[in-house]
C-alpha atoms as a PDB file:
ATOM      1  CA  MET A   1      -2.544  18.458  -2.889  1.00  0.00           C
ATOM      2  CA  GLY A   2      -0.524  20.217   0.659  1.00  0.00           C
ATOM      3  CA  ARG A   3      -2.695  18.254   3.537  1.00  0.00           C
ATOM      4  CA  LYS A   4       0.291  15.414   4.372  1.00  0.00           C
ATOM      5  CA  ILE A   5       0.555  17.510   7.563  1.00  0.00           C
ATOM      6  CA  ALA A   6      -1.216  19.152  10.617  1.00  0.00           C
ATOM      7  CA  ARG A   7       0.863  20.959  13.144  1.00  0.00           C
ATOM      8  CA  ARG A   8      -0.642  21.272  16.864  1.00  0.00           C
ATOM      9  CA  ARG A   9       0.987  22.959  19.956  1.00  0.00           C
ATOM     10  CA  ILE A  10       1.744  20.611  22.131  1.00  0.00           C
ATOM     11  CA  VAL A  11       3.818  20.241  25.683  1.00  0.00           C
ATOM     12  CA  ARG A  12       6.796  17.850  26.315  1.00  0.00           C
ATOM     13  CA  ALA A  13       7.169  16.750  29.993  1.00  0.00           C
ATOM     14  CA  THR A  14      10.103  15.290  31.327  1.00  0.00           C
ATOM     15  CA  LEU A  15      10.954  13.273  34.707  1.00  0.00           C
ATOM     16  CA  ASP A  16      12.916  15.888  36.161  1.00  0.00           C
ATOM     17  CA  GLY A  17       9.402  18.223  35.762  1.00  0.00           C
ATOM     18  CA  ALA A  18       9.988  20.222  32.724  1.00  0.00           C
ATOM     19  CA  ARG A  19       6.911  21.064  30.660  1.00  0.00           C
ATOM     20  CA  ILE A  20       7.905  22.408  27.071  1.00  0.00           C
ATOM     21  CA  ALA A  21       5.795  24.419  24.744  1.00  0.00           C
ATOM     22  CA  ARG A  22       6.251  23.159  21.397  1.00  0.00           C
ATOM     23  CA  GLU A  23       4.843  22.762  17.854  1.00  0.00           C
ATOM     24  CA  GLU A  24       4.061  19.583  16.385  1.00  0.00           C
ATOM     25  CA  LYS A  25       4.193  17.842  13.171  1.00  0.00           C
ATOM     26  CA  LEU A  26       1.670  15.623  12.855  1.00  0.00           C
ATOM     27  CA  ALA A  27       0.893  13.091   9.661  1.00  0.00           C
ATOM     28  CA  VAL A  28      -3.029  14.027   8.502  1.00  0.00           C
ATOM     29  CA  GLU A  29      -5.300  11.200   8.652  1.00  0.00           C
ATOM     30  CA  GLU A  30      -8.778  11.921   6.769  1.00  0.00           C
ATOM     31  CA  PRO A  31     -11.823   9.346   5.596  1.00  0.00           C
ATOM     32  CA  LEU A  32     -12.003   8.766   1.702  1.00  0.00           C
ATOM     33  CA  GLU A  33     -15.080   7.533   0.154  1.00  0.00           C
ATOM     34  CA  ILE A  34     -15.322   5.034  -3.012  1.00  0.00           C
ATOM     35  CA  ARG A  35     -18.453   5.463  -4.830  1.00  0.00           C
ATOM     36  CA  PHE A  36     -19.250   3.589  -8.027  1.00  0.00           C
ATOM     37  CA  ASN A  37     -21.764   5.768 -10.285  1.00  0.00           C
ATOM     38  CA  GLY A  38     -22.747   7.615  -7.339  1.00  0.00           C
ATOM     39  CA  THR A  39     -23.722   4.408  -5.029  1.00  0.00           C
ATOM     40  CA  SER A  40     -21.356   4.309  -1.425  1.00  0.00           C
ATOM     41  CA  PHE A  41     -18.662   1.044  -1.262  1.00  0.00           C
ATOM     42  CA  THR A  42     -16.564   1.720   0.999  1.00  0.00           C
ATOM     43  CA  THR A  43     -14.822   4.621   3.445  1.00  0.00           C
ATOM     44  CA  SER A  44     -10.899   4.393   4.366  1.00  0.00           C
ATOM     45  CA  MET A  45      -8.868   6.343   6.664  1.00  0.00           C
ATOM     46  CA  ARG A  46      -5.808   7.480   4.634  1.00  0.00           C
ATOM     47  CA  THR A  47      -3.294  10.286   4.506  1.00  0.00           C
ATOM     48  CA  PRO A  48      -4.186  12.713   1.347  1.00  0.00           C
ATOM     49  CA  GLY A  49      -2.292  12.741  -1.594  1.00  0.00           C
ATOM     50  CA  ASP A  50      -1.971  10.096  -4.641  1.00  0.00           C
ATOM     51  CA  ASP A  51      -5.816   9.575  -4.178  1.00  0.00           C
ATOM     52  CA  PHE A  52      -6.743   8.155  -7.742  1.00  0.00           C
ATOM     53  CA  ASP A  53      -3.478   5.817  -7.096  1.00  0.00           C
ATOM     54  CA  MET A  54      -4.766   4.294  -3.809  1.00  0.00           C
ATOM     55  CA  VAL A  55      -8.323   3.772  -5.621  1.00  0.00           C
ATOM     56  CA  ALA A  56      -6.518   2.064  -8.109  1.00  0.00           C
ATOM     57  CA  GLY A  57      -4.350  -0.153  -6.398  1.00  0.00           C
ATOM     58  CA  PHE A  58      -6.974  -0.831  -4.131  1.00  0.00           C
ATOM     59  CA  LEU A  59      -9.698  -1.594  -7.011  1.00  0.00           C
ATOM     60  CA  LEU A  60      -7.137  -3.823  -8.679  1.00  0.00           C
ATOM     61  CA  ALA A  61      -6.330  -5.620  -5.063  1.00  0.00           C
ATOM     62  CA  GLU A  62     -10.177  -6.161  -4.474  1.00  0.00           C
ATOM     63  CA  GLY A  63     -10.178  -8.204  -8.377  1.00  0.00           C
ATOM     64  CA  ILE A  64     -12.884  -5.311 -10.088  1.00  0.00           C
ATOM     65  CA  ILE A  65      -9.656  -4.488 -11.995  1.00  0.00           C
ATOM     66  CA  SER A  66      -6.535  -5.606 -13.539  1.00  0.00           C
ATOM     67  CA  ARG A  67      -5.490  -3.845 -16.555  1.00  0.00           C
ATOM     68  CA  THR A  68      -5.554   0.440 -17.065  1.00  0.00           C
ATOM     69  CA  GLU A  69      -8.516   0.408 -19.526  1.00  0.00           C
ATOM     70  CA  HIS A  70     -10.824  -1.102 -16.961  1.00  0.00           C
ATOM     71  CA  LEU A  71     -10.947   2.320 -15.527  1.00  0.00           C
ATOM     72  CA  VAL A  72     -12.938   4.341 -17.166  1.00  0.00           C
ATOM     73  CA  SER A  73     -13.027   7.972 -15.349  1.00  0.00           C
ATOM     74  CA  MET A  74     -12.136   8.812 -11.583  1.00  0.00           C
ATOM     75  CA  ARG A  75     -13.489  12.015 -10.034  1.00  0.00           C
ATOM     76  CA  TYR A  76     -13.555  13.925  -7.159  1.00  0.00           C
ATOM     77  CA  CYS A  77     -17.423  14.866  -6.310  1.00  0.00           C
ATOM     78  CA  ALA A  78     -19.473  16.562  -3.730  1.00  0.00           C
ATOM     79  CA  GLY A  79     -17.938  16.224   0.136  1.00  0.00           C
ATOM     80  CA  THR A  80     -17.644  19.469   1.719  1.00  0.00           C
ATOM     81  CA  ASP A  81     -16.101  20.457   5.719  1.00  0.00           C
ATOM     82  CA  GLU A  82     -18.304  22.873   7.799  1.00  0.00           C
ATOM     83  CA  ASP A  83     -17.201  25.787   5.836  1.00  0.00           C
ATOM     84  CA  GLY A  84     -18.499  24.716   2.814  1.00  0.00           C
ATOM     85  CA  ASN A  85     -15.058  23.953   1.380  1.00  0.00           C
ATOM     86  CA  GLN A  86     -14.255  21.233  -0.886  1.00  0.00           C
ATOM     87  CA  THR A  87     -12.315  18.313   1.142  1.00  0.00           C
ATOM     88  CA  PHE A  88     -11.504  16.186  -1.879  1.00  0.00           C
ATOM     89  CA  ASN A  89     -12.580  13.137   0.293  1.00  0.00           C
ATOM     90  CA  VAL A  90     -15.250  11.296  -1.663  1.00  0.00           C
ATOM     91  CA  ILE A  91     -14.135   9.843  -5.389  1.00  0.00           C
ATOM     92  CA  ASP A  92     -16.445   8.622  -7.974  1.00  0.00           C
ATOM     93  CA  VAL A  93     -15.705   5.489  -9.910  1.00  0.00           C
ATOM     94  CA  GLN A  94     -16.704   4.162 -13.628  1.00  0.00           C
ATOM     95  CA  VAL A  95     -15.569   0.726 -14.578  1.00  0.00           C
ATOM     96  CA  GLY A  96     -15.730  -0.619 -17.800  1.00  0.00           C
ATOM     97  CA  PHE A  97     -16.096  -3.792 -19.892  1.00  0.00           C
ATOM     98  CA  GLY A  98     -13.932  -6.087 -18.340  1.00  0.00           C
ATOM     99  CA  ALA A  99     -14.044  -4.908 -15.204  1.00  0.00           C
ATOM    100  CA  GLN A 100     -15.666  -7.153 -12.369  1.00  0.00           C
ATOM    101  CA  ALA A 101     -17.975  -4.567 -11.031  1.00  0.00           C
ATOM    102  CA  PRO A 102     -19.025  -4.588  -7.381  1.00  0.00           C
ATOM    103  CA  ASP A 103     -21.915  -6.307  -5.547  1.00  0.00           C
ATOM    104  CA  LEU A 104     -22.973  -2.531  -4.335  1.00  0.00           C
ATOM    105  CA  SER A 105     -25.646  -4.874  -1.874  1.00  0.00           C
ATOM    106  CA  ALA A 106     -22.580  -6.295  -0.023  1.00  0.00           C
ATOM    107  CA  ALA A 107     -20.845  -3.000  -0.061  1.00  0.00           C
ATOM    108  CA  ARG A 108     -18.616  -2.341   2.770  1.00  0.00           C
ATOM    109  CA  ASN A 109     -20.560   0.313   5.223  1.00  0.00           C
ATOM    110  CA  VAL A 110     -18.502   0.676   7.960  1.00  0.00           C
ATOM    111  CA  VAL A 111     -15.305   3.057   7.773  1.00  0.00           C
ATOM    112  CA  THR A 112     -11.913   1.059   7.210  1.00  0.00           C
ATOM    113  CA  SER A 113      -9.274   1.818   9.529  1.00  0.00           C
ATOM    114  CA  SER A 114      -6.114   3.064   8.587  1.00  0.00           C
ATOM    115  CA  ALA A 115      -4.629  -0.002  10.326  1.00  0.00           C
ATOM    116  CA  CYS A 116      -6.301  -2.694   8.365  1.00  0.00           C
ATOM    117  CA  GLY A 117      -6.693  -3.765   4.993  1.00  0.00           C
ATOM    118  CA  ILE A 118      -9.093  -6.279   4.758  1.00  0.00           C
ATOM    119  CA  CYS A 119     -11.082  -5.139   7.167  1.00  0.00           C
ATOM    120  CA  GLY A 120     -15.607  -5.348   6.878  1.00  0.00           C
ATOM    121  CA  THR A 121     -14.574  -8.775   3.928  1.00  0.00           C
ATOM    122  CA  ASN A 122     -16.850 -12.086   5.305  1.00  0.00           C
ATOM    123  CA  SER A 123     -14.515 -14.036   4.958  1.00  0.00           C
ATOM    124  CA  ILE A 124     -10.875 -14.525   3.408  1.00  0.00           C
ATOM    125  CA  ASP A 125     -11.765 -17.181   0.824  1.00  0.00           C
ATOM    126  CA  GLU A 126     -13.917 -13.352  -0.344  1.00  0.00           C
ATOM    127  CA  VAL A 127     -10.382 -11.483  -0.731  1.00  0.00           C
ATOM    128  CA  SER A 128      -8.169 -14.944  -2.035  1.00  0.00           C
ATOM    129  CA  LYS A 129      -9.186 -14.160  -5.614  1.00  0.00           C
ATOM    130  CA  LYS A 130      -7.261 -15.401  -8.680  1.00  0.00           C
ATOM    131  CA  SER A 131      -4.420 -12.824  -9.775  1.00  0.00           C
ATOM    132  CA  SER A 132      -4.286 -11.666 -13.937  1.00  0.00           C
ATOM    133  CA  TYR A 133      -0.823 -11.638 -13.540  1.00  0.00           C
ATOM    134  CA  PRO A 134       0.706 -15.474 -11.870  1.00  0.00           C
ATOM    135  CA  LEU A 135       3.847 -15.127 -11.348  1.00  0.00           C
ATOM    136  CA  ASP A 136       6.608 -16.833 -12.967  1.00  0.00           C
ATOM    137  CA  PRO A 137       9.451 -18.168 -11.085  1.00  0.00           C
ATOM    138  CA  ALA A 138      11.974 -17.160 -13.458  1.00  0.00           C
ATOM    139  CA  ARG A 139      11.361 -13.030 -13.029  1.00  0.00           C
ATOM    140  CA  GLY A 140      11.897 -11.371  -9.692  1.00  0.00           C
ATOM    141  CA  HIS A 141      15.858 -12.754  -9.445  1.00  0.00           C
ATOM    142  CA  LEU A 142      18.017 -10.624  -7.091  1.00  0.00           C
ATOM    143  CA  ASP A 143      21.340 -10.200  -4.928  1.00  0.00           C
ATOM    144  CA  VAL A 144      21.012 -10.467  -1.114  1.00  0.00           C
ATOM    145  CA  LYS A 145      23.073  -7.471  -1.374  1.00  0.00           C
ATOM    146  CA  VAL A 146      20.565  -5.414  -3.544  1.00  0.00           C
ATOM    147  CA  LEU A 147      17.697  -7.002  -1.143  1.00  0.00           C
ATOM    148  CA  LEU A 148      19.593  -5.867   2.261  1.00  0.00           C
ATOM    149  CA  GLY A 149      19.965  -2.376   0.775  1.00  0.00           C
ATOM    150  CA  LEU A 150      16.371  -1.412  -0.174  1.00  0.00           C
ATOM    151  CA  PRO A 151      15.459  -0.728   3.580  1.00  0.00           C
ATOM    152  CA  ASP A 152      17.895   2.450   3.840  1.00  0.00           C
ATOM    153  CA  THR A 153      17.388   3.393   0.512  1.00  0.00           C
ATOM    154  CA  LEU A 154      13.462   3.587   1.593  1.00  0.00           C
ATOM    155  CA  ARG A 155      13.657   5.331   4.474  1.00  0.00           C
ATOM    156  CA  GLY A 156      16.170   7.881   3.576  1.00  0.00           C
ATOM    157  CA  ALA A 157      13.736   8.838   0.593  1.00  0.00           C
ATOM    158  CA  GLN A 158      10.476   9.069   3.459  1.00  0.00           C
ATOM    159  CA  ASN A 159      10.199  12.969   3.448  1.00  0.00           C
ATOM    160  CA  LEU A 160       6.482  12.912   5.528  1.00  0.00           C
ATOM    161  CA  PHE A 161       7.806  10.218   7.790  1.00  0.00           C
ATOM    162  CA  SER A 162      11.252  12.897   8.705  1.00  0.00           C
ATOM    163  CA  ALA A 163       8.638  15.326   9.236  1.00  0.00           C
ATOM    164  CA  THR A 164       6.301  13.317  11.067  1.00  0.00           C
ATOM    165  CA  GLY A 165       7.600   9.932  12.428  1.00  0.00           C
ATOM    166  CA  GLY A 166       3.815   8.780  11.727  1.00  0.00           C
ATOM    167  CA  VAL A 167       3.481   7.033   8.728  1.00  0.00           C
ATOM    168  CA  HIS A 168       4.473   3.561   6.943  1.00  0.00           C
ATOM    169  CA  ALA A 169       5.893   3.469   3.632  1.00  0.00           C
ATOM    170  CA  ALA A 170       6.370   1.179   0.401  1.00  0.00           C
ATOM    171  CA  GLY A 171       8.799   1.468  -2.240  1.00  0.00           C
ATOM    172  CA  LEU A 172       9.250  -0.297  -5.909  1.00  0.00           C
ATOM    173  CA  PHE A 173      12.580  -0.596  -6.638  1.00  0.00           C
ATOM    174  CA  THR A 174      14.169  -2.653  -9.838  1.00  0.00           C
ATOM    175  CA  THR A 175      16.577  -6.162  -9.181  1.00  0.00           C
ATOM    176  CA  ASP A 176      19.311  -3.641  -8.970  1.00  0.00           C
ATOM    177  CA  GLY A 177      18.076  -1.535  -5.949  1.00  0.00           C
ATOM    178  CA  GLU A 178      16.648   1.314  -8.482  1.00  0.00           C
ATOM    179  CA  LEU A 179      13.850   3.164  -6.467  1.00  0.00           C
ATOM    180  CA  LEU A 180      10.549   3.211  -8.800  1.00  0.00           C
ATOM    181  CA  VAL A 181       7.790   4.638  -7.073  1.00  0.00           C
ATOM    182  CA  LEU A 182       7.520   5.440  -3.409  1.00  0.00           C
ATOM    183  CA  ARG A 183       4.169   6.381  -1.404  1.00  0.00           C
ATOM    184  CA  GLU A 184       3.675   7.201   2.326  1.00  0.00           C
ATOM    185  CA  ASP A 185       0.518   7.001   4.171  1.00  0.00           C
ATOM    186  CA  VAL A 186      -0.691   6.859   7.804  1.00  0.00           C
ATOM    187  CA  GLY A 187      -1.814   2.970   6.642  1.00  0.00           C
ATOM    188  CA  ARG A 188       0.635   0.738   5.055  1.00  0.00           C
ATOM    189  CA  HIS A 189      -1.710  -1.106   3.023  1.00  0.00           C
ATOM    190  CA  ASN A 190      -2.814   2.821   1.669  1.00  0.00           C
ATOM    191  CA  ALA A 191       0.712   2.908   1.002  1.00  0.00           C
ATOM    192  CA  VAL A 192       0.730  -0.458  -1.444  1.00  0.00           C
ATOM    193  CA  ASP A 193      -2.029   0.659  -3.056  1.00  0.00           C
ATOM    194  CA  LYS A 194      -0.905   4.262  -4.309  1.00  0.00           C
ATOM    195  CA  VAL A 195       2.562   2.493  -5.239  1.00  0.00           C
ATOM    196  CA  ILE A 196       0.448  -0.189  -6.776  1.00  0.00           C
ATOM    197  CA  GLY A 197      -2.188   1.991  -8.397  1.00  0.00           C
ATOM    198  CA  ALA A 198       0.444   4.634  -9.724  1.00  0.00           C
ATOM    199  CA  GLY A 199       2.421   1.176 -12.205  1.00  0.00           C
ATOM    200  CA  LEU A 200      -1.441   0.454 -13.161  1.00  0.00           C
ATOM    201  CA  ARG A 201      -2.307   3.550 -14.220  1.00  0.00           C
ATOM    202  CA  GLU A 202       1.134   4.046 -16.214  1.00  0.00           C
ATOM    203  CA  GLN A 203      -0.084   0.991 -17.537  1.00  0.00           C
ATOM    204  CA  LYS A 204       3.209  -0.644 -16.263  1.00  0.00           C
ATOM    205  CA  LEU A 205       1.444  -3.808 -15.132  1.00  0.00           C
ATOM    206  CA  PRO A 206       2.265  -6.891 -14.545  1.00  0.00           C
ATOM    207  CA  LEU A 207       4.956  -5.435 -12.475  1.00  0.00           C
ATOM    208  CA  HIS A 208       7.443  -8.187 -13.339  1.00  0.00           C
ATOM    209  CA  ASP A 209      11.246  -7.881 -12.042  1.00  0.00           C
ATOM    210  CA  THR A 210      10.149  -5.628  -8.969  1.00  0.00           C
ATOM    211  CA  ILE A 211      10.628  -5.626  -5.218  1.00  0.00           C
ATOM    212  CA  LEU A 212       8.098  -4.331  -2.997  1.00  0.00           C
ATOM    213  CA  GLN A 213       9.890  -3.490  -0.085  1.00  0.00           C
ATOM    214  CA  VAL A 214       7.827  -1.760   3.183  1.00  0.00           C
ATOM    215  CA  SER A 215       8.842  -0.153   5.984  1.00  0.00           C
ATOM    216  CA  GLY A 216       6.532  -2.536   8.303  1.00  0.00           C
ATOM    217  CA  ARG A 217       5.578  -6.068   9.397  1.00  0.00           C
ATOM    218  CA  ALA A 218       4.533  -8.350   6.170  1.00  0.00           C
ATOM    219  CA  SER A 219       0.863  -8.891   6.613  1.00  0.00           C
ATOM    220  CA  PHE A 220      -1.753 -11.436   4.539  1.00  0.00           C
ATOM    221  CA  GLU A 221      -3.323  -8.018   2.426  1.00  0.00           C
ATOM    222  CA  LEU A 222       0.181  -6.791   1.790  1.00  0.00           C
ATOM    223  CA  VAL A 223       0.757 -10.526   0.032  1.00  0.00           C
ATOM    224  CA  GLN A 224      -2.364 -10.021  -1.554  1.00  0.00           C
ATOM    225  CA  LYS A 225      -1.737  -6.905  -3.352  1.00  0.00           C
ATOM    226  CA  ALA A 226       1.816  -7.900  -4.418  1.00  0.00           C
ATOM    227  CA  ALA A 227       0.673 -11.023  -6.199  1.00  0.00           C
ATOM    228  CA  MET A 228      -2.481  -9.229  -7.264  1.00  0.00           C
ATOM    229  CA  ALA A 229       0.314  -6.529  -9.202  1.00  0.00           C
ATOM    230  CA  GLY A 230       2.885  -9.453 -10.343  1.00  0.00           C
ATOM    231  CA  ILE A 231       5.094  -8.458  -8.210  1.00  0.00           C
ATOM    232  CA  PRO A 232       7.516 -11.865  -7.374  1.00  0.00           C
ATOM    233  CA  VAL A 233       9.075 -10.391  -4.305  1.00  0.00           C
ATOM    234  CA  LEU A 234       7.971  -8.651  -1.053  1.00  0.00           C
ATOM    235  CA  SER A 235      10.507  -7.635   1.553  1.00  0.00           C
ATOM    236  CA  ALA A 236       9.357  -6.225   4.895  1.00  0.00           C
ATOM    237  CA  VAL A 237      11.930  -5.031   7.625  1.00  0.00           C
ATOM    238  CA  SER A 238       9.282  -6.400  10.921  1.00  0.00           C
ATOM    239  CA  ALA A 239       7.488  -9.951  11.201  1.00  0.00           C
ATOM    240  CA  PRO A 240       5.692 -11.504   8.419  1.00  0.00           C
ATOM    241  CA  SER A 241       2.177 -13.347   9.745  1.00  0.00           C
ATOM    242  CA  SER A 242       1.866 -16.900   9.283  1.00  0.00           C
ATOM    243  CA  LEU A 243      -1.072 -16.736   6.686  1.00  0.00           C
ATOM    244  CA  ALA A 244       1.042 -14.106   4.660  1.00  0.00           C
ATOM    245  CA  VAL A 245       3.458 -16.864   4.533  1.00  0.00           C
ATOM    246  CA  GLU A 246       1.161 -19.276   3.622  1.00  0.00           C
ATOM    247  CA  LEU A 247      -0.568 -17.012   0.733  1.00  0.00           C
ATOM    248  CA  ALA A 248       3.302 -16.401  -0.539  1.00  0.00           C
ATOM    249  CA  ASP A 249       4.432 -19.951  -0.716  1.00  0.00           C
ATOM    250  CA  GLU A 250       0.755 -20.598  -2.728  1.00  0.00           C
ATOM    251  CA  THR A 251       1.171 -17.628  -4.866  1.00  0.00           C
ATOM    252  CA  GLY A 252       4.848 -18.257  -5.803  1.00  0.00           C
ATOM    253  CA  LEU A 253       6.046 -15.031  -4.500  1.00  0.00           C
ATOM    254  CA  THR A 254       9.175 -14.460  -2.397  1.00  0.00           C
ATOM    255  CA  LEU A 255       8.273 -13.221   1.028  1.00  0.00           C
ATOM    256  CA  ALA A 256      11.170 -11.562   2.508  1.00  0.00           C
ATOM    257  CA  ALA A 257      11.122 -10.279   6.430  1.00  0.00           C
ATOM    258  CA  PHE A 258      13.334  -8.835   9.139  1.00  0.00           C
ATOM    259  CA  SER A 259      15.720  -7.470   6.528  1.00  0.00           C
ATOM    260  CA  ARG A 260      17.921  -5.335   8.792  1.00  0.00           C
ATOM    261  CA  GLY A 261      21.490  -4.647   8.275  1.00  0.00           C
ATOM    262  CA  SER A 262      23.178  -7.635   7.494  1.00  0.00           C
ATOM    263  CA  THR A 263      20.633 -10.350   7.489  1.00  0.00           C
ATOM    264  CA  VAL A 264      16.989 -11.162   6.201  1.00  0.00           C
ATOM    265  CA  ASN A 265      14.899 -14.158   6.865  1.00  0.00           C
ATOM    266  CA  LEU A 266      13.471 -16.025   3.494  1.00  0.00           C
ATOM    267  CA  TYR A 267      10.210 -17.503   4.285  1.00  0.00           C
ATOM    268  CA  THR A 268       9.162 -18.676   0.418  1.00  0.00           C
ATOM    269  CA  HIS A 269      10.551 -19.192  -3.091  1.00  0.00           C
ATOM    270  CA  ALA A 270      14.604 -17.926  -1.755  1.00  0.00           C
ATOM    271  CA  ASP A 271      16.168 -19.575  -4.820  1.00  0.00           C
ATOM    272  CA  ARG A 272      14.859 -15.983  -6.556  1.00  0.00           C
ATOM    273  CA  VAL A 273      17.821 -14.270  -3.990  1.00  0.00           C
ATOM    274  CA  LYS A 274      21.405 -15.381  -4.709  1.00  0.00           C
ATOM    275  CA  THR A 275      23.762 -15.582  -2.064  1.00  0.00           C
ATOM    276  CA  GLY A 276      27.648 -16.025  -1.970  1.00  0.00           C
ATOM    277  CA  SER A 277      29.751 -15.030  -4.919  1.00  0.00           C
END
């Protein structure tokens, strides 16, 4: 699907009075409605592409599924524009035995913006679900040099950001710093869902001995998603929230933030990160 970039004519204004007409590239943002057997569950704003991965990751984070076999099918269904063309903005999901089918009477009948991950839920207790993949303190150990190199590797692979400057990125790495999966999206939680969903659909969960590197801040919902997938280390280039730190500490996840240049702050379970010779 090639709908990740839109083009628009703009005017660039400068202090010296110049007005320059030019074409700019924009990151596309469109709604994606998720249905269960034809009944609407939620709608999220996202960048089109890797939609099945995003839905799979979202369902994992919500505690609806935890294994590939729980997901029976996903398909695009009715969703057309004013000209009658398929928009690929509606996905219908069927889950099978072992899945925790959602209560559709409590469906989120609001659009979740690309800026938030757990918006529309009633309380933190509702999203603090027990992971099927408890984090092992013996897994996910890495050298601080590897950890500090991840933001640059992530940034170098961000083709959509290079074109538009308007998306977040999430990358899954090995403990040796090898990039396994990269996803970009206008919503940082969507990018993480797409990374985790790819792992689930490829039957690679739990994602032990991996690091999730994100391009922005570390929020509660990102820690939640990482823990639900069995990822032992989450690293962010910007700040964590207090609730993110609390949840990381509780689940046994190593939370690193302000990973820039030669320094990184280790907020929880710092023993996974080796420093010195």
